[in-house]
């Protein structure tokens, strides 16, 4: 009796080099949530570790940036590189569930995230902070990361913090909600594993 060959793992690596940053990223969408993250920004490392652990996407990130200026370029370019790696690993996006959503509670904070891996980048960000910084990181940079990720991942992404008081809890619930929504969206639909989840037969452009 012939055995069925396992499906190939969806993996990708990306190297992004500019005058501001040097970033190497690898992902395995069919992983177990293993990670090795080093960006030079401690709080960002913590958030990316949460993204990996709760999406079950294996993630390796090595970033060197102009941190002597600020954290903006490193944060944004890391989002761009991870999103690009995810898009590369997805390929033609055949067989994926495409949509995912999650409500993520973290103590007093609750965040909702919905994602469509449509190849049409868009971000709705309804998250407010009451502090300018978490550690050394400007809280305004979190939107920049999500915008960058949505852009290169080809994701329509809606993130809304419904309520919360602790700024750390608020932003961490955003990354964990993204992780859980992404985990659902990249799963292969066993009933349509051979088809792109669109009536057009291709993802991108208009509906």
N, C-alpha and C. Protein backbone atom coordinates (compact mmCIF):
# COMPACT_ATOMS: atom_id res chain seq x y z
N UNK A 1 0.84 -1.19 0.00
CA UNK A 1 0.00 0.00 0.00
C UNK A 1 0.88 1.24 0.00
N UNK A 2 0.63 2.13 -0.96
CA UNK A 2 1.43 3.33 -1.07
C UNK A 2 1.12 4.28 0.08
N UNK A 3 2.17 4.85 0.65
CA UNK A 3 1.98 5.83 1.71
C UNK A 3 1.82 7.21 1.10
N UNK A 4 1.10 8.08 1.79
CA UNK A 4 0.87 9.44 1.31
C UNK A 4 2.01 10.32 1.82
N UNK A 5 2.67 10.99 0.89
CA UNK A 5 3.78 11.86 1.27
C UNK A 5 3.25 13.04 2.08
N UNK A 6 3.94 13.41 3.14
CA UNK A 6 3.49 14.57 3.91
C UNK A 6 3.59 15.85 3.10
N UNK A 7 2.72 16.79 3.39
CA UNK A 7 2.76 18.07 2.68
C UNK A 7 4.06 18.79 3.02
N UNK A 8 4.64 19.50 2.07
CA UNK A 8 5.87 20.24 2.35
C UNK A 8 5.63 21.33 3.37
N UNK A 9 6.60 21.55 4.22
CA UNK A 9 6.47 22.59 5.24
C UNK A 9 6.56 23.95 4.58
N UNK A 10 5.79 24.87 5.10
CA UNK A 10 5.73 26.23 4.55
C UNK A 10 6.73 27.11 5.30
N UNK A 11 7.89 27.23 4.72
CA UNK A 11 8.98 27.96 5.34
C UNK A 11 9.49 29.05 4.41
N UNK A 12 10.15 30.05 4.98
CA UNK A 12 10.73 31.12 4.17
C UNK A 12 11.76 31.87 5.00
N UNK A 13 12.72 32.44 4.30
CA UNK A 13 13.71 33.31 4.93
C UNK A 13 13.80 34.60 4.15
N UNK A 14 14.05 35.68 4.87
CA UNK A 14 14.14 37.01 4.26
C UNK A 14 15.32 37.75 4.88
N UNK A 15 16.07 38.42 4.05
CA UNK A 15 17.13 39.31 4.53
C UNK A 15 16.81 40.71 4.03
N UNK A 16 16.78 41.65 4.94
CA UNK A 16 16.47 43.04 4.60
C UNK A 16 17.62 43.92 5.10
N UNK A 17 18.26 44.61 4.16
CA UNK A 17 19.39 45.47 4.52
C UNK A 17 19.18 46.86 3.96
N UNK A 18 19.25 47.85 4.83
CA UNK A 18 19.17 49.25 4.43
C UNK A 18 20.30 50.00 5.14
N UNK A 19 20.36 51.30 4.93
CA UNK A 19 21.34 52.10 5.64
C UNK A 19 21.00 52.24 7.12
N UNK A 20 19.78 51.82 7.48
CA UNK A 20 19.31 51.98 8.85
C UNK A 20 19.26 50.68 9.64
N UNK A 21 19.01 49.57 8.93
CA UNK A 21 18.86 48.28 9.62
C UNK A 21 19.42 47.14 8.79
N UNK A 22 19.76 46.06 9.48
CA UNK A 22 20.14 44.79 8.86
C UNK A 22 19.35 43.71 9.59
N UNK A 23 18.47 43.06 8.86
CA UNK A 23 17.52 42.13 9.49
C UNK A 23 17.49 40.82 8.73
N UNK A 24 17.54 39.73 9.48
CA UNK A 24 17.36 38.39 8.92
C UNK A 24 16.20 37.72 9.66
N UNK A 25 15.28 37.17 8.89
CA UNK A 25 14.09 36.54 9.45
C UNK A 25 13.87 35.19 8.78
N UNK A 26 13.49 34.20 9.55
CA UNK A 26 13.02 32.94 8.99
C UNK A 26 11.76 32.52 9.73
N UNK A 27 10.83 31.92 8.99
CA UNK A 27 9.57 31.46 9.58
C UNK A 27 9.27 30.04 9.10
N UNK A 28 8.56 29.31 9.93
CA UNK A 28 8.00 28.02 9.58
C UNK A 28 6.55 28.05 10.04
N UNK A 29 5.64 28.20 9.09
CA UNK A 29 4.23 28.34 9.43
C UNK A 29 3.65 27.06 10.03
N UNK A 30 4.33 25.95 9.81
CA UNK A 30 3.86 24.66 10.32
C UNK A 30 4.69 24.20 11.51
N UNK A 31 5.18 25.17 12.27
CA UNK A 31 6.04 24.87 13.39
C UNK A 31 5.28 24.61 14.68
N UNK A 32 5.98 24.81 15.79
CA UNK A 32 5.40 24.55 17.11
C UNK A 32 5.54 25.74 18.04
N UNK A 33 5.88 26.91 17.47
CA UNK A 33 6.01 28.10 18.29
C UNK A 33 7.38 28.27 18.92
N UNK A 34 8.40 27.73 18.26
CA UNK A 34 9.77 27.92 18.73
C UNK A 34 10.31 29.25 18.20
N UNK A 35 11.11 29.94 19.00
CA UNK A 35 11.57 31.25 18.58
C UNK A 35 12.99 31.53 19.06
N UNK A 36 13.65 32.38 18.28
CA UNK A 36 14.94 32.97 18.65
C UNK A 36 14.90 34.39 18.13
N UNK A 37 14.76 35.34 19.03
CA UNK A 37 14.52 36.74 18.63
C UNK A 37 15.53 37.65 19.29
N UNK A 38 16.18 38.47 18.47
CA UNK A 38 17.13 39.45 19.00
C UNK A 38 17.08 40.69 18.12
N UNK A 39 16.46 41.76 18.64
CA UNK A 39 16.35 43.00 17.87
C UNK A 39 17.12 44.15 18.51
N UNK A 40 17.58 43.94 19.72
CA UNK A 40 18.20 45.04 20.45
C UNK A 40 17.20 45.88 21.21
N UNK A 41 15.92 45.59 21.03
CA UNK A 41 14.83 46.29 21.72
C UNK A 41 14.11 45.25 22.58
N UNK A 42 14.35 45.29 23.87
CA UNK A 42 13.85 44.24 24.75
C UNK A 42 12.36 44.03 24.71
N UNK A 43 11.60 45.11 24.72
CA UNK A 43 10.14 44.97 24.73
C UNK A 43 9.64 44.40 23.41
N UNK A 44 10.25 44.81 22.30
CA UNK A 44 9.87 44.27 21.00
C UNK A 44 10.19 42.78 20.93
N UNK A 45 11.34 42.37 21.46
CA UNK A 45 11.67 40.95 21.51
C UNK A 45 10.57 40.17 22.22
N UNK A 46 10.12 40.70 23.35
CA UNK A 46 9.08 40.04 24.14
C UNK A 46 7.79 39.88 23.35
N UNK A 47 7.42 40.90 22.59
CA UNK A 47 6.19 40.84 21.81
C UNK A 47 6.32 39.83 20.65
N UNK A 48 7.47 39.79 20.00
CA UNK A 48 7.66 38.86 18.89
C UNK A 48 7.71 37.41 19.38
N UNK A 49 8.23 37.22 20.58
CA UNK A 49 8.20 35.88 21.17
C UNK A 49 6.76 35.45 21.43
N UNK A 50 5.91 36.38 21.86
CA UNK A 50 4.49 36.07 22.05
C UNK A 50 3.83 35.73 20.72
N UNK A 51 4.17 36.47 19.68
CA UNK A 51 3.61 36.22 18.34
C UNK A 51 3.93 34.80 17.90
N UNK A 52 5.17 34.38 18.08
CA UNK A 52 5.57 33.04 17.69
C UNK A 52 4.88 31.98 18.53
N UNK A 53 4.96 32.14 19.84
CA UNK A 53 4.45 31.10 20.74
C UNK A 53 2.96 30.85 20.54
N UNK A 54 2.19 31.90 20.34
CA UNK A 54 0.73 31.73 20.31
C UNK A 54 0.18 31.52 18.90
N UNK A 55 1.00 31.73 17.87
CA UNK A 55 0.58 31.39 16.51
C UNK A 55 1.06 30.00 16.12
N UNK A 56 2.00 29.44 16.90
CA UNK A 56 2.70 28.19 16.60
C UNK A 56 3.59 28.32 15.37
N UNK A 57 3.87 29.53 14.96
CA UNK A 57 4.81 29.78 13.87
C UNK A 57 6.22 29.85 14.44
N UNK A 58 7.11 28.99 13.98
CA UNK A 58 8.50 29.11 14.39
C UNK A 58 9.07 30.39 13.79
N UNK A 59 9.82 31.12 14.60
CA UNK A 59 10.28 32.44 14.18
C UNK A 59 11.70 32.70 14.66
N UNK A 60 12.55 33.07 13.72
CA UNK A 60 13.90 33.51 14.04
C UNK A 60 14.08 34.92 13.51
N UNK A 61 14.52 35.83 14.37
CA UNK A 61 14.73 37.22 13.99
C UNK A 61 16.08 37.68 14.55
N UNK A 62 16.91 38.18 13.67
CA UNK A 62 18.17 38.81 14.07
C UNK A 62 18.20 40.19 13.44
N UNK A 63 18.17 41.22 14.26
CA UNK A 63 18.11 42.59 13.74
C UNK A 63 19.19 43.45 14.37
N UNK A 64 19.81 44.27 13.54
CA UNK A 64 20.75 45.29 14.00
C UNK A 64 20.31 46.60 13.37
N UNK A 65 20.06 47.60 14.21
CA UNK A 65 19.55 48.86 13.69
C UNK A 65 20.18 50.06 14.35
N UNK A 66 19.78 51.23 13.89
CA UNK A 66 20.33 52.49 14.38
C UNK A 66 19.65 52.91 15.68
N UNK A 67 19.82 52.08 16.70
CA UNK A 67 19.16 52.32 17.98
C UNK A 67 19.70 53.55 18.69
N UNK A 68 20.86 54.03 18.27
CA UNK A 68 21.39 55.25 18.86
C UNK A 68 20.57 56.47 18.47
N UNK A 69 19.77 56.32 17.40
CA UNK A 69 18.84 57.40 16.99
C UNK A 69 17.52 57.22 17.73
N UNK A 70 16.83 56.14 17.44
CA UNK A 70 15.64 55.73 18.19
C UNK A 70 15.28 54.33 17.73
N UNK A 71 14.12 53.83 18.17
CA UNK A 71 13.73 52.46 17.86
C UNK A 71 12.83 52.35 16.64
N UNK A 72 12.56 53.47 15.99
CA UNK A 72 11.56 53.48 14.91
C UNK A 72 11.95 52.57 13.75
N UNK A 73 13.14 52.75 13.21
CA UNK A 73 13.52 51.99 12.02
C UNK A 73 13.58 50.49 12.30
N UNK A 74 14.12 50.13 13.46
CA UNK A 74 14.21 48.71 13.80
C UNK A 74 12.83 48.10 13.98
N UNK A 75 11.93 48.81 14.63
CA UNK A 75 10.57 48.31 14.84
C UNK A 75 9.84 48.14 13.51
N UNK A 76 9.84 49.18 12.69
CA UNK A 76 9.12 49.12 11.42
C UNK A 76 9.72 48.08 10.48
N UNK A 77 11.04 48.06 10.35
CA UNK A 77 11.66 47.14 9.40
C UNK A 77 11.54 45.69 9.84
N UNK A 78 11.48 45.46 11.15
CA UNK A 78 11.23 44.10 11.63
C UNK A 78 9.84 43.65 11.23
N UNK A 79 8.86 44.54 11.34
CA UNK A 79 7.51 44.21 10.89
C UNK A 79 7.46 43.92 9.41
N UNK A 80 8.18 44.73 8.62
CA UNK A 80 8.22 44.50 7.18
C UNK A 80 8.84 43.15 6.84
N UNK A 81 9.93 42.81 7.51
CA UNK A 81 10.64 41.57 7.20
C UNK A 81 9.83 40.34 7.61
N UNK A 82 9.20 40.39 8.78
CA UNK A 82 8.40 39.25 9.22
C UNK A 82 7.19 39.07 8.32
N UNK A 83 6.52 40.18 7.97
CA UNK A 83 5.39 40.08 7.05
C UNK A 83 5.79 39.52 5.71
N UNK A 84 6.94 39.95 5.19
CA UNK A 84 7.41 39.45 3.90
C UNK A 84 7.70 37.96 3.97
N UNK A 85 8.28 37.51 5.08
CA UNK A 85 8.57 36.09 5.22
C UNK A 85 7.29 35.26 5.29
N UNK A 86 6.29 35.77 6.01
CA UNK A 86 5.00 35.08 6.07
C UNK A 86 4.38 34.97 4.68
N UNK A 87 4.39 36.07 3.94
CA UNK A 87 3.82 36.07 2.59
C UNK A 87 4.56 35.08 1.68
N UNK A 88 5.86 35.05 1.80
CA UNK A 88 6.68 34.14 0.99
C UNK A 88 6.38 32.69 1.33
N UNK A 89 6.23 32.41 2.62
CA UNK A 89 5.92 31.05 3.06
C UNK A 89 4.53 30.61 2.61
N UNK A 90 3.59 31.55 2.54
CA UNK A 90 2.23 31.23 2.11
C UNK A 90 2.14 30.91 0.62
N UNK A 91 3.08 31.42 -0.16
CA UNK A 91 3.07 31.15 -1.60
C UNK A 91 1.81 31.67 -2.25
N UNK A 92 1.12 30.81 -3.01
CA UNK A 92 -0.12 31.23 -3.68
C UNK A 92 -1.33 31.20 -2.75
N UNK A 93 -1.10 30.86 -1.49
CA UNK A 93 -2.13 30.84 -0.44
C UNK A 93 -3.19 29.79 -0.68
N UNK A 94 -2.86 28.80 -1.49
CA UNK A 94 -3.80 27.73 -1.78
C UNK A 94 -4.10 26.92 -0.52
N UNK A 95 -5.38 26.69 -0.28
CA UNK A 95 -5.80 25.80 0.80
C UNK A 95 -5.93 26.43 2.16
N UNK A 96 -5.50 27.69 2.33
CA UNK A 96 -5.55 28.28 3.67
C UNK A 96 -6.99 28.67 4.05
N UNK A 97 -7.22 28.74 5.34
CA UNK A 97 -8.54 29.18 5.81
C UNK A 97 -8.78 30.64 5.42
N UNK A 98 -7.70 31.41 5.32
CA UNK A 98 -7.70 32.81 4.89
C UNK A 98 -8.13 33.77 6.00
N UNK A 99 -9.21 33.49 6.68
CA UNK A 99 -9.72 34.38 7.72
C UNK A 99 -9.41 33.83 9.11
N UNK A 100 -9.20 34.74 10.03
CA UNK A 100 -9.04 34.35 11.42
C UNK A 100 -9.42 35.50 12.33
N UNK A 101 -9.85 35.19 13.52
CA UNK A 101 -10.17 36.24 14.48
C UNK A 101 -9.94 35.72 15.89
N UNK A 102 -9.74 36.64 16.82
CA UNK A 102 -9.54 36.24 18.21
C UNK A 102 -9.93 37.38 19.13
N UNK A 103 -10.52 37.02 20.26
CA UNK A 103 -10.68 37.92 21.39
C UNK A 103 -9.65 37.47 22.42
N UNK A 104 -8.79 38.39 22.83
CA UNK A 104 -7.70 38.00 23.72
C UNK A 104 -7.77 38.79 25.03
N UNK A 105 -8.11 38.14 26.12
CA UNK A 105 -8.09 38.81 27.42
C UNK A 105 -6.71 38.71 28.06
N UNK A 106 -6.26 39.77 28.67
CA UNK A 106 -5.06 39.73 29.50
C UNK A 106 -5.34 40.57 30.74
N UNK A 107 -5.64 39.89 31.81
CA UNK A 107 -6.07 40.54 33.03
C UNK A 107 -7.24 41.49 32.72
N UNK A 108 -7.07 42.79 32.95
CA UNK A 108 -8.18 43.74 32.78
C UNK A 108 -8.36 44.19 31.33
N UNK A 109 -7.44 43.81 30.45
CA UNK A 109 -7.48 44.27 29.05
C UNK A 109 -8.09 43.21 28.14
N UNK A 110 -8.84 43.67 27.14
CA UNK A 110 -9.43 42.77 26.15
C UNK A 110 -9.25 43.38 24.78
N UNK A 111 -8.66 42.60 23.86
CA UNK A 111 -8.41 43.08 22.50
C UNK A 111 -9.00 42.11 21.50
N UNK A 112 -9.55 42.68 20.44
CA UNK A 112 -10.12 41.90 19.35
C UNK A 112 -9.25 42.08 18.11
N UNK A 113 -8.93 40.99 17.43
CA UNK A 113 -8.17 41.06 16.18
C UNK A 113 -8.86 40.19 15.14
N UNK A 114 -9.02 40.74 13.94
CA UNK A 114 -9.54 39.98 12.81
C UNK A 114 -8.59 40.16 11.64
N UNK A 115 -8.31 39.06 10.93
CA UNK A 115 -7.36 39.11 9.83
C UNK A 115 -7.93 38.42 8.60
N UNK A 116 -7.63 38.97 7.45
CA UNK A 116 -7.95 38.37 6.17
C UNK A 116 -6.66 38.35 5.36
N UNK A 117 -6.15 37.17 5.06
CA UNK A 117 -4.92 37.04 4.28
C UNK A 117 -5.26 37.15 2.80
N UNK A 118 -5.77 38.29 2.45
CA UNK A 118 -6.38 38.55 1.14
C UNK A 118 -5.39 39.01 0.08
N UNK A 119 -4.16 39.31 0.50
CA UNK A 119 -3.17 39.96 -0.38
C UNK A 119 -3.58 41.40 -0.68
N UNK A 120 -4.44 41.97 0.16
CA UNK A 120 -4.83 43.38 0.06
C UNK A 120 -4.50 44.04 1.40
N UNK A 121 -3.35 44.66 1.52
CA UNK A 121 -2.91 45.20 2.81
C UNK A 121 -3.80 46.35 3.28
N UNK A 122 -4.18 46.27 4.56
CA UNK A 122 -4.96 47.35 5.15
C UNK A 122 -4.91 47.17 6.66
N UNK A 123 -4.78 48.28 7.38
CA UNK A 123 -4.78 48.21 8.83
C UNK A 123 -5.81 49.16 9.41
N UNK A 124 -6.66 48.63 10.28
CA UNK A 124 -7.49 49.43 11.16
C UNK A 124 -6.93 49.24 12.56
N UNK A 125 -6.54 50.34 13.20
CA UNK A 125 -5.88 50.28 14.50
C UNK A 125 -6.64 51.18 15.47
N UNK A 126 -7.34 50.56 16.39
CA UNK A 126 -8.10 51.31 17.39
C UNK A 126 -7.56 50.92 18.78
N UNK A 127 -6.38 51.43 19.04
CA UNK A 127 -5.68 51.12 20.29
C UNK A 127 -5.12 52.43 20.84
N UNK A 128 -5.46 52.75 22.05
CA UNK A 128 -4.99 53.98 22.69
C UNK A 128 -4.16 53.65 23.93
N UNK A 129 -3.11 54.43 24.11
CA UNK A 129 -2.25 54.25 25.26
C UNK A 129 -2.30 55.51 26.13
N UNK A 130 -2.06 55.32 27.41
CA UNK A 130 -2.03 56.46 28.33
C UNK A 130 -0.61 56.81 28.74
N UNK A 131 0.35 56.08 28.21
CA UNK A 131 1.76 56.36 28.47
C UNK A 131 2.48 56.51 27.14
N UNK A 132 3.49 57.36 27.10
CA UNK A 132 4.28 57.56 25.88
C UNK A 132 5.29 56.45 25.66
N UNK A 133 5.70 55.80 26.73
CA UNK A 133 6.73 54.77 26.61
C UNK A 133 6.40 53.56 27.47
N UNK A 134 6.86 52.40 27.01
CA UNK A 134 6.90 51.18 27.81
C UNK A 134 8.36 50.77 27.87
N UNK A 135 8.96 50.89 29.03
CA UNK A 135 10.41 50.78 29.09
C UNK A 135 11.01 51.93 28.30
N UNK A 136 11.88 51.59 27.36
CA UNK A 136 12.48 52.61 26.50
C UNK A 136 11.76 52.75 25.16
N UNK A 137 10.68 52.00 24.96
CA UNK A 137 10.03 51.96 23.66
C UNK A 137 8.84 52.90 23.60
N UNK A 138 8.78 53.74 22.58
CA UNK A 138 7.64 54.63 22.37
C UNK A 138 6.40 53.82 22.00
N UNK A 139 5.31 54.04 22.69
CA UNK A 139 4.11 53.26 22.42
C UNK A 139 3.53 53.53 21.03
N UNK A 140 3.83 54.69 20.44
CA UNK A 140 3.33 54.98 19.10
C UNK A 140 3.94 54.04 18.06
N UNK A 141 5.05 53.38 18.39
CA UNK A 141 5.72 52.50 17.43
C UNK A 141 4.98 51.18 17.22
N UNK A 142 4.09 50.83 18.14
CA UNK A 142 3.39 49.56 17.96
C UNK A 142 2.48 49.61 16.72
N UNK A 143 1.84 50.73 16.50
CA UNK A 143 1.03 50.86 15.28
C UNK A 143 1.93 50.74 14.05
N UNK A 144 3.12 51.31 14.10
CA UNK A 144 4.04 51.22 12.97
C UNK A 144 4.40 49.77 12.67
N UNK A 145 4.59 48.97 13.71
CA UNK A 145 4.92 47.56 13.49
C UNK A 145 3.75 46.83 12.82
N UNK A 146 2.54 47.03 13.34
CA UNK A 146 1.37 46.34 12.78
C UNK A 146 1.11 46.80 11.35
N UNK A 147 1.31 48.08 11.06
CA UNK A 147 1.13 48.60 9.71
C UNK A 147 2.14 47.95 8.76
N UNK A 148 3.38 47.86 9.19
CA UNK A 148 4.43 47.26 8.36
C UNK A 148 4.14 45.78 8.11
N UNK A 149 3.74 45.06 9.14
CA UNK A 149 3.44 43.64 8.99
C UNK A 149 2.28 43.42 8.01
N UNK A 150 1.20 44.20 8.18
CA UNK A 150 0.05 44.06 7.29
C UNK A 150 0.44 44.34 5.85
N UNK A 151 1.29 45.34 5.65
CA UNK A 151 1.69 45.75 4.31
C UNK A 151 2.38 44.63 3.55
N UNK A 152 3.38 44.01 4.16
CA UNK A 152 4.15 43.01 3.41
C UNK A 152 3.57 41.60 3.51
N UNK A 153 2.79 41.33 4.57
CA UNK A 153 2.14 40.03 4.66
C UNK A 153 0.95 39.93 3.71
N UNK A 154 0.50 41.07 3.20
CA UNK A 154 -0.70 41.07 2.36
C UNK A 154 -1.93 40.75 3.19
N UNK A 155 -2.06 41.44 4.32
CA UNK A 155 -3.14 41.14 5.26
C UNK A 155 -4.02 42.36 5.47
N UNK A 156 -5.32 42.14 5.44
CA UNK A 156 -6.26 43.11 5.97
C UNK A 156 -6.37 42.80 7.45
N UNK A 157 -6.03 43.78 8.28
CA UNK A 157 -5.88 43.53 9.70
C UNK A 157 -6.63 44.58 10.50
N UNK A 158 -7.54 44.14 11.35
CA UNK A 158 -8.29 45.02 12.23
C UNK A 158 -7.92 44.68 13.68
N UNK A 159 -7.41 45.66 14.39
CA UNK A 159 -7.01 45.46 15.79
C UNK A 159 -7.70 46.53 16.63
N UNK A 160 -8.43 46.10 17.64
CA UNK A 160 -9.14 47.05 18.50
C UNK A 160 -9.04 46.60 19.95
N UNK A 161 -8.48 47.46 20.77
CA UNK A 161 -8.51 47.22 22.20
C UNK A 161 -9.86 47.69 22.74
N UNK A 162 -10.63 46.77 23.25
CA UNK A 162 -11.98 47.08 23.69
C UNK A 162 -11.97 47.80 25.04
N UNK A 163 -11.06 47.41 25.90
CA UNK A 163 -10.86 48.13 27.15
C UNK A 163 -9.59 47.61 27.82
N UNK A 164 -9.11 48.39 28.77
CA UNK A 164 -7.90 48.03 29.50
C UNK A 164 -7.32 49.25 30.18
N UNK A 165 -6.50 49.01 31.17
CA UNK A 165 -5.88 50.09 31.92
C UNK A 165 -4.36 50.03 31.87
N UNK A 166 -3.81 48.85 31.98
CA UNK A 166 -2.37 48.68 32.01
C UNK A 166 -1.83 48.65 30.58
N UNK A 167 -0.96 49.57 30.24
CA UNK A 167 -0.48 49.69 28.86
C UNK A 167 0.28 48.45 28.39
N UNK A 168 1.03 47.83 29.28
CA UNK A 168 1.73 46.59 28.94
C UNK A 168 0.72 45.51 28.56
N UNK A 169 -0.33 45.37 29.35
CA UNK A 169 -1.36 44.38 29.07
C UNK A 169 -2.06 44.68 27.74
N UNK A 170 -2.30 45.95 27.48
CA UNK A 170 -2.99 46.32 26.24
C UNK A 170 -2.19 45.90 25.02
N UNK A 171 -0.92 46.27 24.97
CA UNK A 171 -0.15 45.96 23.77
C UNK A 171 0.14 44.47 23.67
N UNK A 172 0.38 43.82 24.79
CA UNK A 172 0.63 42.38 24.72
C UNK A 172 -0.60 41.63 24.25
N UNK A 173 -1.78 42.09 24.66
CA UNK A 173 -3.01 41.46 24.18
C UNK A 173 -3.18 41.66 22.67
N UNK A 174 -2.66 42.75 22.14
CA UNK A 174 -2.72 42.98 20.68
C UNK A 174 -1.88 41.95 19.93
N UNK A 175 -0.66 41.73 20.40
CA UNK A 175 0.21 40.77 19.72
C UNK A 175 -0.30 39.34 19.88
N UNK A 176 -0.81 39.01 21.04
CA UNK A 176 -1.34 37.66 21.24
C UNK A 176 -2.61 37.44 20.43
N UNK A 177 -3.44 38.48 20.32
CA UNK A 177 -4.64 38.36 19.49
C UNK A 177 -4.27 38.17 18.03
N UNK A 178 -3.28 38.93 17.56
CA UNK A 178 -2.80 38.72 16.19
C UNK A 178 -2.31 37.29 16.02
N UNK A 179 -1.55 36.80 16.99
CA UNK A 179 -1.01 35.45 16.89
C UNK A 179 -2.11 34.42 16.73
N UNK A 180 -3.14 34.51 17.56
CA UNK A 180 -4.22 33.53 17.49
C UNK A 180 -5.04 33.65 16.21
N UNK A 181 -5.26 34.89 15.76
CA UNK A 181 -5.98 35.08 14.50
C UNK A 181 -5.16 34.56 13.33
N UNK A 182 -3.87 34.83 13.34
CA UNK A 182 -2.98 34.36 12.27
C UNK A 182 -2.92 32.85 12.25
N UNK A 183 -2.86 32.26 13.41
CA UNK A 183 -2.83 30.78 13.49
C UNK A 183 -4.04 30.17 12.79
N UNK A 184 -5.21 30.76 13.01
CA UNK A 184 -6.43 30.25 12.37
C UNK A 184 -6.40 30.48 10.86
N UNK A 185 -5.92 31.65 10.44
CA UNK A 185 -5.98 32.02 9.02
C UNK A 185 -5.01 31.22 8.16
N UNK A 186 -3.87 30.82 8.72
CA UNK A 186 -2.88 30.08 7.91
C UNK A 186 -3.13 28.58 7.91
N UNK A 187 -4.07 28.11 8.73
CA UNK A 187 -4.38 26.68 8.75
C UNK A 187 -4.89 26.23 7.39
N UNK A 188 -4.53 25.01 7.03
CA UNK A 188 -5.02 24.44 5.78
C UNK A 188 -6.41 23.86 5.99
N UNK A 189 -7.33 24.22 5.11
CA UNK A 189 -8.70 23.70 5.15
C UNK A 189 -8.71 22.34 4.46
N UNK A 190 -8.93 21.24 5.18
CA UNK A 190 -8.84 19.92 4.57
C UNK A 190 -9.88 19.69 3.47
N UNK A 191 -10.95 20.46 3.47
CA UNK A 191 -11.98 20.29 2.43
C UNK A 191 -11.65 21.02 1.15
N UNK A 192 -10.70 22.01 1.24
CA UNK A 192 -10.34 22.78 0.05
C UNK A 192 -8.83 23.03 0.00
N UNK A 193 -8.07 21.99 0.31
CA UNK A 193 -6.62 22.15 0.37
C UNK A 193 -5.99 22.42 -0.99
N UNK A 194 -6.75 22.15 -2.07
CA UNK A 194 -6.21 22.31 -3.42
C UNK A 194 -6.66 23.60 -4.08
N UNK A 195 -7.36 24.47 -3.36
CA UNK A 195 -7.96 25.65 -3.98
C UNK A 195 -7.61 26.92 -3.23
N UNK A 196 -7.41 27.99 -3.98
CA UNK A 196 -7.25 29.31 -3.39
C UNK A 196 -8.61 29.76 -2.86
N UNK A 197 -8.69 30.25 -1.64
CA UNK A 197 -9.98 30.62 -1.04
C UNK A 197 -10.52 31.94 -1.56
N UNK A 198 -10.87 31.96 -2.83
CA UNK A 198 -11.45 33.15 -3.46
C UNK A 198 -12.21 32.70 -4.70
N UNK A 199 -13.33 33.37 -4.98
CA UNK A 199 -14.08 33.03 -6.20
C UNK A 199 -13.33 33.41 -7.46
N UNK A 200 -12.32 34.30 -7.32
CA UNK A 200 -11.50 34.68 -8.48
C UNK A 200 -10.45 33.64 -8.81
N UNK A 201 -10.13 32.78 -7.82
CA UNK A 201 -9.07 31.82 -8.02
C UNK A 201 -7.69 32.38 -7.71
N UNK A 202 -7.67 33.62 -7.26
CA UNK A 202 -6.40 34.24 -6.88
C UNK A 202 -6.70 35.29 -5.82
N UNK A 203 -5.79 35.45 -4.88
CA UNK A 203 -5.98 36.45 -3.84
C UNK A 203 -5.20 37.72 -4.18
N UNK A 204 -5.87 38.86 -4.02
CA UNK A 204 -5.27 40.14 -4.33
C UNK A 204 -6.19 40.95 -5.22
N UNK A 205 -6.09 42.27 -5.14
CA UNK A 205 -6.94 43.14 -5.95
C UNK A 205 -8.31 43.23 -5.34
N UNK A 206 -9.33 43.35 -6.18
CA UNK A 206 -10.70 43.53 -5.71
C UNK A 206 -11.27 42.19 -5.31
N UNK A 207 -12.43 42.22 -4.61
CA UNK A 207 -13.09 41.00 -4.17
C UNK A 207 -13.49 40.12 -5.33
